[in-house]
Amino acid sequence: MSTPFLMESHEEKVASPSLRFSTPSGIAWLRDSAGIFVFCPECQKYWLLAGLEADLWDWIVLGHPWDDMIKRFALLTDASEEAARQGIFRFIRYLVQEEIWVEAS
């Protein structure tokens, strides 16, 4: 499955893997066989993360080590570790742009 936020771009900035994110109050998610259903009753928005996006969500929220996530992503996408790192950053930026995650203070 190819999604816009996981497509390769050659002008990516590298973010610090030590950044901390959390979900704003009101955001909830449910995992089922279709993937991750994220919803915000307050703003009446929802998102469905499926396939690799659902895997990334799980790895991040379960606290998997950064290097392990990069290696798994690279293996699953048949990409280099640098391309995998950028793909994960794009996914995180997507979650932040959609206001699913906010930077924790």
C-alpha atoms as a PDB file:
ATOM      1  CA  MET A   1       0.000   0.000   0.000  1.00  0.00           C
ATOM      2  CA  SER A   2       1.491   3.335  -1.016  1.00  0.00           C
ATOM      3  CA  THR A   3       0.371   6.468   0.748  1.00  0.00           C
ATOM      4  CA  PRO A   4       1.438  10.064   0.090  1.00  0.00           C
ATOM      5  CA  PHE A   5       3.205  10.517   3.416  1.00  0.00           C
ATOM      6  CA  LEU A   6       5.396   7.448   2.892  1.00  0.00           C
ATOM      7  CA  MET A   7       6.504   8.294  -0.635  1.00  0.00           C
ATOM      8  CA  GLU A   8      10.169   9.190  -1.042  1.00  0.00           C
ATOM      9  CA  SER A   9      11.228  12.813  -1.180  1.00  0.00           C
ATOM     10  CA  HIS A  10      14.782  13.983  -1.766  1.00  0.00           C
ATOM     11  CA  GLU A  11      14.475  17.162   0.321  1.00  0.00           C
ATOM     12  CA  GLU A  12      13.830  15.710   3.758  1.00  0.00           C
ATOM     13  CA  LYS A  13      15.122  17.203   6.990  1.00  0.00           C
ATOM     14  CA  VAL A  14      16.228  14.820   9.704  1.00  0.00           C
ATOM     15  CA  ALA A  15      14.339  15.168  12.966  1.00  0.00           C
ATOM     16  CA  SER A  16      15.661  14.138  16.336  1.00  0.00           C
ATOM     17  CA  PRO A  17      14.477  10.658  17.388  1.00  0.00           C
ATOM     18  CA  SER A  18      14.431  11.956  20.986  1.00  0.00           C
ATOM     19  CA  LEU A  19      11.320  14.079  20.378  1.00  0.00           C
ATOM     20  CA  ARG A  20       8.347  13.040  22.487  1.00  0.00           C
ATOM     21  CA  PHE A  21       4.774  13.005  21.190  1.00  0.00           C
ATOM     22  CA  SER A  22       1.418  12.324  22.766  1.00  0.00           C
ATOM     23  CA  THR A  23      -2.165  12.268  21.621  1.00  0.00           C
ATOM     24  CA  PRO A  24      -4.290  15.277  22.530  1.00  0.00           C
ATOM     25  CA  SER A  25      -7.161  14.661  24.916  1.00  0.00           C
ATOM     26  CA  GLY A  26     -10.209  13.419  23.056  1.00  0.00           C
ATOM     27  CA  ILE A  27      -8.212  11.304  20.575  1.00  0.00           C
ATOM     28  CA  ALA A  28      -8.789   7.562  20.909  1.00  0.00           C
ATOM     29  CA  TRP A  29      -7.864   4.556  18.813  1.00  0.00           C
ATOM     30  CA  LEU A  30      -8.990   1.012  18.296  1.00  0.00           C
ATOM     31  CA  ARG A  31      -7.042  -1.844  16.716  1.00  0.00           C
ATOM     32  CA  ASP A  32      -8.888  -4.521  14.741  1.00  0.00           C
ATOM     33  CA  SER A  33      -8.202  -6.752  11.748  1.00  0.00           C
ATOM     34  CA  ALA A  34      -8.586  -3.808   9.334  1.00  0.00           C
ATOM     35  CA  GLY A  35      -5.920  -1.732  11.058  1.00  0.00           C
ATOM     36  CA  ILE A  36      -5.999   1.170  13.491  1.00  0.00           C
ATOM     37  CA  PHE A  37      -9.108   3.335  13.657  1.00  0.00           C
ATOM     38  CA  VAL A  38      -8.175   6.710  15.180  1.00  0.00           C
ATOM     39  CA  PHE A  39     -10.999   9.070  16.045  1.00  0.00           C
ATOM     40  CA  CYS A  40     -11.631  12.413  17.673  1.00  0.00           C
ATOM     41  CA  PRO A  41     -15.241  12.788  18.828  1.00  0.00           C
ATOM     42  CA  GLU A  42     -14.688  16.460  19.695  1.00  0.00           C
ATOM     43  CA  CYS A  43     -13.567  17.469  16.195  1.00  0.00           C
ATOM     44  CA  GLN A  44     -15.685  14.798  14.451  1.00  0.00           C
ATOM     45  CA  LYS A  45     -12.718  13.438  12.459  1.00  0.00           C
ATOM     46  CA  TYR A  46     -11.399   9.940  11.987  1.00  0.00           C
ATOM     47  CA  TRP A  47      -8.511   8.196  10.257  1.00  0.00           C
ATOM     48  CA  LEU A  48      -7.839   4.588   9.313  1.00  0.00           C
ATOM     49  CA  LEU A  49      -4.233   3.406   9.399  1.00  0.00           C
ATOM     50  CA  ALA A  50      -3.760   0.110   7.606  1.00  0.00           C
ATOM     51  CA  GLY A  51      -0.841  -2.080   6.612  1.00  0.00           C
ATOM     52  CA  LEU A  52       2.568  -0.532   7.202  1.00  0.00           C
ATOM     53  CA  GLU A  53       1.021   2.603   8.713  1.00  0.00           C
ATOM     54  CA  ALA A  54      -0.720   0.486  11.372  1.00  0.00           C
ATOM     55  CA  ASP A  55       2.532  -1.370  12.043  1.00  0.00           C
ATOM     56  CA  LEU A  56       4.396   1.925  12.488  1.00  0.00           C
ATOM     57  CA  TRP A  57       1.729   3.175  14.889  1.00  0.00           C
ATOM     58  CA  ASP A  58       2.049  -0.019  16.957  1.00  0.00           C
ATOM     59  CA  TRP A  59       5.840   0.075  17.027  1.00  0.00           C
ATOM     60  CA  ILE A  60       5.901   3.704  18.122  1.00  0.00           C
ATOM     61  CA  VAL A  61       3.180   3.575  20.792  1.00  0.00           C
ATOM     62  CA  LEU A  62       4.530   0.290  22.178  1.00  0.00           C
ATOM     63  CA  GLY A  63       7.952   1.900  22.598  1.00  0.00           C
ATOM     64  CA  HIS A  64      10.008  -0.228  20.243  1.00  0.00           C
ATOM     65  CA  PRO A  65      13.631   0.948  19.962  1.00  0.00           C
ATOM     66  CA  TRP A  66      14.222   3.458  17.182  1.00  0.00           C
ATOM     67  CA  ASP A  67      16.913   1.351  15.475  1.00  0.00           C
ATOM     68  CA  ASP A  68      14.644  -1.718  15.464  1.00  0.00           C
ATOM     69  CA  MET A  69      11.820   0.259  13.834  1.00  0.00           C
ATOM     70  CA  ILE A  70      14.173   1.525  11.134  1.00  0.00           C
ATOM     71  CA  LYS A  71      15.481  -1.983  10.402  1.00  0.00           C
ATOM     72  CA  ARG A  72      11.966  -3.474  10.239  1.00  0.00           C
ATOM     73  CA  PHE A  73      10.685  -0.658   8.026  1.00  0.00           C
ATOM     74  CA  ALA A  74      13.694  -1.069   5.700  1.00  0.00           C
ATOM     75  CA  LEU A  75      13.120  -4.821   5.508  1.00  0.00           C
ATOM     76  CA  LEU A  76       9.384  -4.512   4.829  1.00  0.00           C
ATOM     77  CA  THR A  77       9.828  -1.822   2.168  1.00  0.00           C
ATOM     78  CA  ASP A  78      13.038  -3.227   0.654  1.00  0.00           C
ATOM     79  CA  ALA A  79      14.677   0.163   1.224  1.00  0.00           C
ATOM     80  CA  SER A  80      17.888   1.443   2.755  1.00  0.00           C
ATOM     81  CA  GLU A  81      17.952   2.313   6.435  1.00  0.00           C
ATOM     82  CA  GLU A  82      18.191   6.023   5.567  1.00  0.00           C
ATOM     83  CA  ALA A  83      15.098   5.771   3.341  1.00  0.00           C
ATOM     84  CA  ALA A  84      13.347   3.885   6.148  1.00  0.00           C
ATOM     85  CA  ARG A  85      14.270   6.604   8.652  1.00  0.00           C
ATOM     86  CA  GLN A  86      12.860   9.265   6.326  1.00  0.00           C
ATOM     87  CA  GLY A  87       9.687   7.209   5.802  1.00  0.00           C
ATOM     88  CA  ILE A  88       9.134   7.014   9.551  1.00  0.00           C
ATOM     89  CA  PHE A  89       9.719  10.770   9.896  1.00  0.00           C
ATOM     90  CA  ARG A  90       7.179  11.437   7.133  1.00  0.00           C
ATOM     91  CA  PHE A  91       4.647   9.265   8.971  1.00  0.00           C
ATOM     92  CA  ILE A  92       5.255  11.158  12.214  1.00  0.00           C
ATOM     93  CA  ARG A  93       4.920  14.505  10.385  1.00  0.00           C
ATOM     94  CA  TYR A  94       1.622  13.289   8.930  1.00  0.00           C
ATOM     95  CA  LEU A  95       0.332  12.433  12.425  1.00  0.00           C
ATOM     96  CA  VAL A  96       1.406  15.866  13.683  1.00  0.00           C
ATOM     97  CA  GLN A  97      -0.094  17.712  10.677  1.00  0.00           C
ATOM     98  CA  GLU A  98      -3.388  15.906  11.202  1.00  0.00           C
ATOM     99  CA  GLU A  99      -3.175  16.805  14.915  1.00  0.00           C
ATOM    100  CA  ILE A 100      -3.376  13.141  15.885  1.00  0.00           C
ATOM    101  CA  TRP A 101      -0.114  13.589  17.791  1.00  0.00           C
ATOM    102  CA  VAL A 102       1.292  16.728  19.395  1.00  0.00           C
ATOM    103  CA  GLU A 103       4.814  17.338  20.627  1.00  0.00           C
ATOM    104  CA  ALA A 104       4.935  16.664  24.369  1.00  0.00           C
ATOM    105  CA  SER A 105       6.429  19.376  26.499  1.00  0.00           C
END
